[in-house]
Amino acid sequence: SPAGQNLINALAGPQVPGFWIANSSGGILSINQGASSTSTITVTYADGFTGSVNLAVTSALPSGVTASWSANPTTTSSELTLTASSAATPGKSTVTITGTSGARTATTTVTLTVVEAPTSSTTLAVTAGGVAVTSVAAGTVVTLTAAVNAGLTAVTPGLVKFCDATAAHCEDIHLLGTAQLTSVGTAVLKFVAGIGSH
């Protein structure tokens, strides 16, 4: 069949001086919003062909996704980096990569999935002596426990800043302290309450 012959031709590569290209991602690539992912595009020559190959993404990328190359043109391979902004459109699309050298061209495709970033949330527990409180006397030891999640997953790396609730900016005298997030996604800070609101 024509489709079968096309597959044979693609697997066999060019039968005259020329080249073909392939991607290292197995034809599948996934990117989270606000992140990037890479695929190495390899150029293979046949029958003595030696020209350099210009690589380009020749299909429309999803809104908010950009492409860049580590080397272009190339005679061996180049790393394609696809970067999704935090507002990139989620979903699947087919990305076509075309190599061109003179009148010769070759293509490879990647199915790209842009994954919507999970919404992060932070909850704060305020306790004194193990009991939840909303106000305490000056001099009381207060424990602040922040729990940070991205969707249903606890966020484990990072630093949490604890600040006066009335402060416009979390810095200088308004910063109560900082604490590292633990393996369960919580950060704990203890301080002695002074006079006034915090």
C-alpha atoms as a PDB file:
ATOM      1  CA  SER A   1       0.000   0.000   0.000  1.00  0.00           C
ATOM      2  CA  PRO A   2       1.163   3.632  -0.357  1.00  0.00           C
ATOM      3  CA  ALA A   3       1.271   4.027   3.435  1.00  0.00           C
ATOM      4  CA  GLY A   4       3.361   0.875   3.771  1.00  0.00           C
ATOM      5  CA  GLN A   5       5.774   2.022   1.104  1.00  0.00           C
ATOM      6  CA  ASN A   6       6.129   5.403   2.840  1.00  0.00           C
ATOM      7  CA  LEU A   7       7.042   3.581   6.063  1.00  0.00           C
ATOM      8  CA  ILE A   8       9.627   1.466   4.258  1.00  0.00           C
ATOM      9  CA  ASN A   9      11.131   4.574   2.659  1.00  0.00           C
ATOM     10  CA  ALA A  10      11.280   6.359   6.036  1.00  0.00           C
ATOM     11  CA  LEU A  11      13.002   3.401   7.705  1.00  0.00           C
ATOM     12  CA  ALA A  12      15.416   2.864   4.844  1.00  0.00           C
ATOM     13  CA  GLY A  13      16.412   6.513   4.542  1.00  0.00           C
ATOM     14  CA  PRO A  14      17.493   8.166   1.305  1.00  0.00           C
ATOM     15  CA  GLN A  15      18.725   5.914  -1.502  1.00  0.00           C
ATOM     16  CA  VAL A  16      20.648   8.709  -3.244  1.00  0.00           C
ATOM     17  CA  PRO A  17      23.105  11.205  -1.734  1.00  0.00           C
ATOM     18  CA  GLY A  18      21.057  12.917   0.960  1.00  0.00           C
ATOM     19  CA  PHE A  19      20.100  12.787   4.629  1.00  0.00           C
ATOM     20  CA  TRP A  20      17.294  12.109   7.055  1.00  0.00           C
ATOM     21  CA  ILE A  21      16.570  13.400  10.552  1.00  0.00           C
ATOM     22  CA  ALA A  22      15.224  11.787  13.718  1.00  0.00           C
ATOM     23  CA  ASN A  23      14.307  12.939  17.216  1.00  0.00           C
ATOM     24  CA  SER A  24      15.519  11.460  20.510  1.00  0.00           C
ATOM     25  CA  SER A  25      12.194  11.807  22.339  1.00  0.00           C
ATOM     26  CA  GLY A  26      10.516   8.889  20.594  1.00  0.00           C
ATOM     27  CA  GLY A  27       8.083  11.281  18.973  1.00  0.00           C
ATOM     28  CA  ILE A  28       6.581  12.353  22.315  1.00  0.00           C
ATOM     29  CA  LEU A  29       7.390  15.446  24.381  1.00  0.00           C
ATOM     30  CA  SER A  30       5.638  16.913  27.423  1.00  0.00           C
ATOM     31  CA  ILE A  31       6.084  20.388  28.935  1.00  0.00           C
ATOM     32  CA  ASN A  32       4.570  21.919  32.042  1.00  0.00           C
ATOM     33  CA  GLN A  33       3.408  25.508  31.812  1.00  0.00           C
ATOM     34  CA  GLY A  34       6.310  27.731  32.846  1.00  0.00           C
ATOM     35  CA  ALA A  35       8.915  25.072  31.989  1.00  0.00           C
ATOM     36  CA  SER A  36      10.857  23.675  29.043  1.00  0.00           C
ATOM     37  CA  SER A  37      11.727  20.318  27.509  1.00  0.00           C
ATOM     38  CA  THR A  38      14.309  19.186  24.971  1.00  0.00           C
ATOM     39  CA  SER A  39      14.723  16.711  22.131  1.00  0.00           C
ATOM     40  CA  THR A  40      17.927  16.029  20.240  1.00  0.00           C
ATOM     41  CA  ILE A  41      17.451  16.123  16.477  1.00  0.00           C
ATOM     42  CA  THR A  42      20.028  13.910  14.783  1.00  0.00           C
ATOM     43  CA  VAL A  43      21.106  14.225  11.142  1.00  0.00           C
ATOM     44  CA  THR A  44      22.172  11.033   9.348  1.00  0.00           C
ATOM     45  CA  TYR A  45      23.872  11.158   5.945  1.00  0.00           C
ATOM     46  CA  ALA A  46      23.665   8.645   3.104  1.00  0.00           C
ATOM     47  CA  ASP A  47      25.738   7.854   0.011  1.00  0.00           C
ATOM     48  CA  GLY A  48      28.427  10.442   0.543  1.00  0.00           C
ATOM     49  CA  PHE A  49      26.273  13.477   1.234  1.00  0.00           C
ATOM     50  CA  THR A  50      28.215  16.062   3.276  1.00  0.00           C
ATOM     51  CA  GLY A  51      26.191  19.290   3.292  1.00  0.00           C
ATOM     52  CA  SER A  52      25.192  21.122   6.456  1.00  0.00           C
ATOM     53  CA  VAL A  53      21.510  21.008   7.400  1.00  0.00           C
ATOM     54  CA  ASN A  54      19.352  23.903   8.538  1.00  0.00           C
ATOM     55  CA  LEU A  55      16.748  22.832  11.092  1.00  0.00           C
ATOM     56  CA  ALA A  56      13.444  24.604  11.669  1.00  0.00           C
ATOM     57  CA  VAL A  57      10.071  24.050  13.299  1.00  0.00           C
ATOM     58  CA  THR A  58       7.765  24.341  10.302  1.00  0.00           C
ATOM     59  CA  SER A  59       4.413  23.800  12.007  1.00  0.00           C
ATOM     60  CA  ALA A  60       2.524  26.289  14.158  1.00  0.00           C
ATOM     61  CA  LEU A  61       3.427  26.007  17.831  1.00  0.00           C
ATOM     62  CA  PRO A  62       0.758  26.320  20.539  1.00  0.00           C
ATOM     63  CA  SER A  63       0.231  29.829  21.851  1.00  0.00           C
ATOM     64  CA  GLY A  64       2.892  30.639  24.445  1.00  0.00           C
ATOM     65  CA  VAL A  65       5.396  28.009  23.247  1.00  0.00           C
ATOM     66  CA  THR A  66       8.714  29.008  21.644  1.00  0.00           C
ATOM     67  CA  ALA A  67      11.513  26.985  20.047  1.00  0.00           C
ATOM     68  CA  SER A  68      15.291  27.405  20.078  1.00  0.00           C
ATOM     69  CA  TRP A  69      18.282  25.393  18.822  1.00  0.00           C
ATOM     70  CA  SER A  70      21.648  24.660  20.391  1.00  0.00           C
ATOM     71  CA  ALA A  71      23.338  24.637  16.960  1.00  0.00           C
ATOM     72  CA  ASN A  72      21.910  25.574  13.588  1.00  0.00           C
ATOM     73  CA  PRO A  73      22.855  24.703  10.892  1.00  0.00           C
ATOM     74  CA  THR A  74      24.459  21.404  11.888  1.00  0.00           C
ATOM     75  CA  THR A  75      26.210  18.432  10.348  1.00  0.00           C
ATOM     76  CA  THR A  76      25.554  16.080  13.281  1.00  0.00           C
ATOM     77  CA  SER A  77      22.789  16.989  15.714  1.00  0.00           C
ATOM     78  CA  SER A  78      21.164  19.886  17.518  1.00  0.00           C
ATOM     79  CA  GLU A  79      19.159  20.122  20.705  1.00  0.00           C
ATOM     80  CA  LEU A  80      15.686  21.555  20.229  1.00  0.00           C
ATOM     81  CA  THR A  81      14.344  23.320  23.313  1.00  0.00           C
ATOM     82  CA  LEU A  82      10.623  24.018  23.529  1.00  0.00           C
ATOM     83  CA  THR A  83       9.698  26.505  26.239  1.00  0.00           C
ATOM     84  CA  ALA A  84       6.162  27.044  27.493  1.00  0.00           C
ATOM     85  CA  SER A  85       5.219  30.286  29.207  1.00  0.00           C
ATOM     86  CA  SER A  86       3.087  30.186  32.349  1.00  0.00           C
ATOM     87  CA  ALA A  87       0.119  31.131  30.137  1.00  0.00           C
ATOM     88  CA  ALA A  88       0.819  28.634  27.322  1.00  0.00           C
ATOM     89  CA  THR A  89      -2.264  26.920  25.933  1.00  0.00           C
ATOM     90  CA  PRO A  90      -2.611  23.401  27.415  1.00  0.00           C
ATOM     91  CA  GLY A  91      -3.254  20.431  25.127  1.00  0.00           C
ATOM     92  CA  LYS A  92      -1.707  18.247  22.432  1.00  0.00           C
ATOM     93  CA  SER A  93      -0.322  19.286  19.069  1.00  0.00           C
ATOM     94  CA  THR A  94       1.959  17.890  16.377  1.00  0.00           C
ATOM     95  CA  VAL A  95       5.286  19.662  15.928  1.00  0.00           C
ATOM     96  CA  THR A  96       6.972  19.204  12.556  1.00  0.00           C
ATOM     97  CA  ILE A  97      10.749  19.662  12.339  1.00  0.00           C
ATOM     98  CA  THR A  98      12.206  20.118   8.870  1.00  0.00           C
ATOM     99  CA  GLY A  99      15.824  19.820   7.831  1.00  0.00           C
ATOM    100  CA  THR A 100      16.897  21.601   4.666  1.00  0.00           C
ATOM    101  CA  SER A 101      20.140  21.429   2.711  1.00  0.00           C
ATOM    102  CA  GLY A 102      19.982  22.970  -0.735  1.00  0.00           C
ATOM    103  CA  ALA A 103      17.048  21.396  -2.541  1.00  0.00           C
ATOM    104  CA  ARG A 104      16.925  18.424  -0.186  1.00  0.00           C
ATOM    105  CA  THR A 105      14.558  18.265   2.787  1.00  0.00           C
ATOM    106  CA  ALA A 106      13.667  15.760   5.491  1.00  0.00           C
ATOM    107  CA  THR A 107      11.151  15.903   8.336  1.00  0.00           C
ATOM    108  CA  THR A 108      10.394  14.361  11.697  1.00  0.00           C
ATOM    109  CA  THR A 109       7.441  14.956  13.989  1.00  0.00           C
ATOM    110  CA  VAL A 110       6.899  15.172  17.740  1.00  0.00           C
ATOM    111  CA  THR A 111       3.597  15.008  19.583  1.00  0.00           C
ATOM    112  CA  LEU A 112       3.795  17.851  22.085  1.00  0.00           C
ATOM    113  CA  THR A 113       1.663  18.004  25.209  1.00  0.00           C
ATOM    114  CA  VAL A 114       1.518  21.240  27.207  1.00  0.00           C
ATOM    115  CA  VAL A 115       0.461  20.369  30.750  1.00  0.00           C
ATOM    116  CA  GLU A 116      -1.462  22.877  32.816  1.00  0.00           C
ATOM    117  CA  ALA A 117       0.508  23.825  35.912  1.00  0.00           C
ATOM    118  CA  PRO A 118      -1.188  22.845  39.175  1.00  0.00           C
ATOM    119  CA  THR A 119      -2.492  25.710  41.279  1.00  0.00           C
ATOM    120  CA  SER A 120      -0.424  26.254  44.397  1.00  0.00           C
ATOM    121  CA  SER A 121      -1.950  26.969  47.772  1.00  0.00           C
ATOM    122  CA  THR A 122      -0.645  27.766  51.238  1.00  0.00           C
ATOM    123  CA  THR A 123      -2.445  27.251  54.540  1.00  0.00           C
ATOM    124  CA  LEU A 124      -1.263  28.632  57.860  1.00  0.00           C
ATOM    125  CA  ALA A 125      -1.893  27.220  61.320  1.00  0.00           C
ATOM    126  CA  VAL A 126      -1.234  29.454  64.340  1.00  0.00           C
ATOM    127  CA  THR A 127      -0.870  27.643  67.656  1.00  0.00           C
ATOM    128  CA  ALA A 128       0.359  28.271  71.200  1.00  0.00           C
ATOM    129  CA  GLY A 129       0.998  25.287  73.446  1.00  0.00           C
ATOM    130  CA  GLY A 130      -0.454  23.005  70.783  1.00  0.00           C
ATOM    131  CA  VAL A 131      -3.792  24.860  70.712  1.00  0.00           C
ATOM    132  CA  ALA A 132      -5.054  26.935  67.774  1.00  0.00           C
ATOM    133  CA  VAL A 133      -5.186  30.616  68.706  1.00  0.00           C
ATOM    134  CA  THR A 134      -6.171  33.927  67.156  1.00  0.00           C
ATOM    135  CA  SER A 135      -4.694  36.130  69.901  1.00  0.00           C
ATOM    136  CA  VAL A 136      -2.166  35.632  72.689  1.00  0.00           C
ATOM    137  CA  ALA A 137      -0.604  37.643  75.485  1.00  0.00           C
ATOM    138  CA  ALA A 138       2.733  39.343  74.834  1.00  0.00           C
ATOM    139  CA  GLY A 139       5.597  36.990  75.650  1.00  0.00           C
ATOM    140  CA  THR A 140       3.760  33.865  74.537  1.00  0.00           C
ATOM    141  CA  VAL A 141       5.621  31.409  72.315  1.00  0.00           C
ATOM    142  CA  VAL A 142       3.652  31.117  69.065  1.00  0.00           C
ATOM    143  CA  THR A 143       4.148  28.370  66.481  1.00  0.00           C
ATOM    144  CA  LEU A 144       3.404  29.098  62.827  1.00  0.00           C
ATOM    145  CA  THR A 145       3.021  26.082  60.523  1.00  0.00           C
ATOM    146  CA  ALA A 146       2.715  26.711  56.797  1.00  0.00           C
ATOM    147  CA  ALA A 147       1.632  23.892  54.462  1.00  0.00           C
ATOM    148  CA  VAL A 148       2.357  24.450  50.748  1.00  0.00           C
ATOM    149  CA  ASN A 149       0.743  22.356  48.011  1.00  0.00           C
ATOM    150  CA  ALA A 150       0.723  22.340  44.207  1.00  0.00           C
ATOM    151  CA  GLY A 151      -2.601  20.749  43.402  1.00  0.00           C
ATOM    152  CA  LEU A 152      -2.722  17.654  45.611  1.00  0.00           C
ATOM    153  CA  THR A 153       1.071  17.358  45.865  1.00  0.00           C
ATOM    154  CA  ALA A 154       3.068  18.755  48.765  1.00  0.00           C
ATOM    155  CA  VAL A 155       5.800  21.200  47.746  1.00  0.00           C
ATOM    156  CA  THR A 156       9.019  20.061  49.389  1.00  0.00           C
ATOM    157  CA  PRO A 157      11.918  22.262  48.211  1.00  0.00           C
ATOM    158  CA  GLY A 158      11.939  25.933  49.071  1.00  0.00           C
ATOM    159  CA  LEU A 159      11.920  28.560  51.776  1.00  0.00           C
ATOM    160  CA  VAL A 160       8.849  30.078  53.426  1.00  0.00           C
ATOM    161  CA  LYS A 161       8.893  33.675  54.688  1.00  0.00           C
ATOM    162  CA  PHE A 162       6.667  34.523  57.638  1.00  0.00           C
ATOM    163  CA  CYS A 163       5.659  38.189  57.805  1.00  0.00           C
ATOM    164  CA  ASP A 164       3.336  40.582  59.584  1.00  0.00           C
ATOM    165  CA  ALA A 165      -0.105  40.187  58.042  1.00  0.00           C
ATOM    166  CA  THR A 166      -0.518  43.959  57.852  1.00  0.00           C
ATOM    167  CA  ALA A 167       2.747  44.518  55.949  1.00  0.00           C
ATOM    168  CA  ALA A 168       2.629  45.529  52.284  1.00  0.00           C
ATOM    169  CA  HIS A 169       6.039  43.890  51.666  1.00  0.00           C
ATOM    170  CA  CYS A 170       7.655  40.887  53.343  1.00  0.00           C
ATOM    171  CA  GLU A 171      10.995  42.447  54.300  1.00  0.00           C
ATOM    172  CA  ASP A 172      12.995  44.211  56.985  1.00  0.00           C
ATOM    173  CA  ILE A 173      11.149  44.721  60.266  1.00  0.00           C
ATOM    174  CA  HIS A 174       8.013  43.019  58.913  1.00  0.00           C
ATOM    175  CA  LEU A 175       9.811  39.690  58.440  1.00  0.00           C
ATOM    176  CA  LEU A 176       9.179  37.459  61.448  1.00  0.00           C
ATOM    177  CA  GLY A 177      11.513  34.744  60.162  1.00  0.00           C
ATOM    178  CA  THR A 178      12.044  32.044  57.551  1.00  0.00           C
ATOM    179  CA  ALA A 179      11.870  28.251  57.530  1.00  0.00           C
ATOM    180  CA  GLN A 180      12.702  25.498  55.052  1.00  0.00           C
ATOM    181  CA  LEU A 181       9.927  23.298  53.739  1.00  0.00           C
ATOM    182  CA  THR A 182      10.222  19.725  55.025  1.00  0.00           C
ATOM    183  CA  SER A 183       9.696  16.454  53.158  1.00  0.00           C
ATOM    184  CA  VAL A 184       5.969  16.643  53.962  1.00  0.00           C
ATOM    185  CA  GLY A 185       5.571  20.154  52.574  1.00  0.00           C
ATOM    186  CA  THR A 186       5.431  22.106  55.829  1.00  0.00           C
ATOM    187  CA  ALA A 187       7.571  24.868  57.308  1.00  0.00           C
ATOM    188  CA  VAL A 188       7.513  25.709  61.010  1.00  0.00           C
ATOM    189  CA  LEU A 189       8.527  28.921  62.747  1.00  0.00           C
ATOM    190  CA  LYS A 190       8.360  29.652  66.479  1.00  0.00           C
ATOM    191  CA  PHE A 191       8.552  33.194  67.835  1.00  0.00           C
ATOM    192  CA  VAL A 192       7.744  35.123  70.979  1.00  0.00           C
ATOM    193  CA  ALA A 193       4.809  37.448  70.430  1.00  0.00           C
ATOM    194  CA  GLY A 194       5.365  41.106  71.212  1.00  0.00           C
ATOM    195  CA  ILE A 195       2.876  43.843  71.886  1.00  0.00           C
ATOM    196  CA  GLY A 196       0.576  44.675  68.970  1.00  0.00           C
ATOM    197  CA  SER A 197      -0.756  42.840  65.929  1.00  0.00           C
ATOM    198  CA  HIS A 198       1.238  40.469  63.700  1.00  0.00           C
END
